[in-house]
Protein backbone atom coordinates (compact mmCIF):
# COMPACT_ATOMS: atom_id res chain seq x y z
CA UNK A 1 -73.15 129.31 103.92
CA UNK A 2 -69.45 128.44 103.74
CA UNK A 3 -67.99 125.02 104.43
CA UNK A 4 -64.50 124.07 105.49
CA UNK A 5 -62.52 121.24 103.92
CA UNK A 6 -59.35 119.94 105.51
CA UNK A 7 -56.67 118.56 103.20
CA UNK A 8 -53.28 117.03 103.80
CA UNK A 9 -50.33 118.45 101.85
CA UNK A 10 -46.90 116.95 101.42
CA UNK A 11 -44.10 119.17 102.72
CA UNK A 12 -43.02 119.85 99.13
CA UNK A 13 -46.51 120.86 98.02
CA UNK A 14 -46.93 123.08 101.10
CA UNK A 15 -43.60 124.81 100.40
CA UNK A 16 -44.58 125.41 96.78
CA UNK A 17 -47.98 126.73 97.87
CA UNK A 18 -46.36 129.08 100.38
CA UNK A 19 -43.83 130.36 97.84
CA UNK A 20 -46.46 130.97 95.18
CA UNK A 21 -48.99 132.64 97.44
CA UNK A 22 -46.31 134.87 98.94
CA UNK A 23 -45.04 135.87 95.48
CA UNK A 24 -48.56 136.61 94.22
CA UNK A 25 -49.73 138.28 97.41
CA UNK A 26 -52.75 136.03 97.89
CA UNK A 27 -53.78 133.71 100.67
CA UNK A 28 -53.42 129.94 100.34
CA UNK A 29 -57.19 129.69 100.86
CA UNK A 30 -57.86 131.97 97.89
CA UNK A 31 -55.45 130.08 95.66
CA UNK A 32 -56.99 126.71 96.55
CA UNK A 33 -60.50 128.08 96.05
CA UNK A 34 -59.54 129.45 92.61
CA UNK A 35 -57.92 126.12 91.70
CA UNK A 36 -61.09 124.23 92.63
CA UNK A 37 -63.24 126.67 90.63
CA UNK A 38 -60.95 126.25 87.61
CA UNK A 39 -61.06 122.46 87.92
CA UNK A 40 -64.86 122.39 88.16
CA UNK A 41 -65.20 124.70 85.15
CA UNK A 42 -62.87 122.53 83.08
CA UNK A 43 -64.78 119.36 84.09
CA UNK A 44 -68.09 120.99 83.15
CA UNK A 45 -66.58 122.12 79.85
CA UNK A 46 -65.30 118.64 78.98
CA UNK A 47 -68.58 116.93 79.88
CA UNK A 48 -70.61 119.40 77.84
CA UNK A 49 -68.18 119.16 74.94
CA UNK A 50 -68.44 115.37 74.90
CA UNK A 51 -72.24 115.52 74.99
CA UNK A 52 -72.43 118.08 72.19
CA UNK A 53 -69.98 116.25 69.96
CA UNK A 54 -72.08 113.09 70.26
CA UNK A 55 -75.24 114.97 69.25
CA UNK A 56 -73.78 117.27 66.63
CA UNK A 57 -73.85 116.72 62.91
CA UNK A 58 -70.95 119.18 62.71
CA UNK A 59 -68.45 119.06 65.58
CA UNK A 60 -68.35 122.08 67.83
CA UNK A 61 -65.07 123.89 68.36
CA UNK A 62 -63.67 124.54 71.82
CA UNK A 63 -64.55 128.21 71.29
CA UNK A 64 -68.20 127.30 70.59
CA UNK A 65 -68.41 125.31 73.80
CA UNK A 66 -66.60 127.99 75.79
CA UNK A 67 -69.28 130.46 74.66
CA UNK A 68 -72.01 128.09 75.90
CA UNK A 69 -70.55 127.56 79.37
CA UNK A 70 -69.43 131.13 79.97
C-alpha cells in the first residue's frame, strides 16, 4: 500500500527541484522518494555505528558497518 505525504516547498527549493529533475530526467516524486530512502539509510547507519562502537573492544570502521547494514 502506498501513502501520500504533502509537503510545502519554498519557491527557491521548488525551482531547484524542477531544474534538477528536468536535467536528470526523473520525476520530482522519484527524487524525493530517493532522498528519503537515503536519509533513512544514513540514520540507520549512524544509529548502528554508535551502538557498535559502544559495545566494541575494537572500534568498527565505517566500511565494517556499511557491510552490516547493506
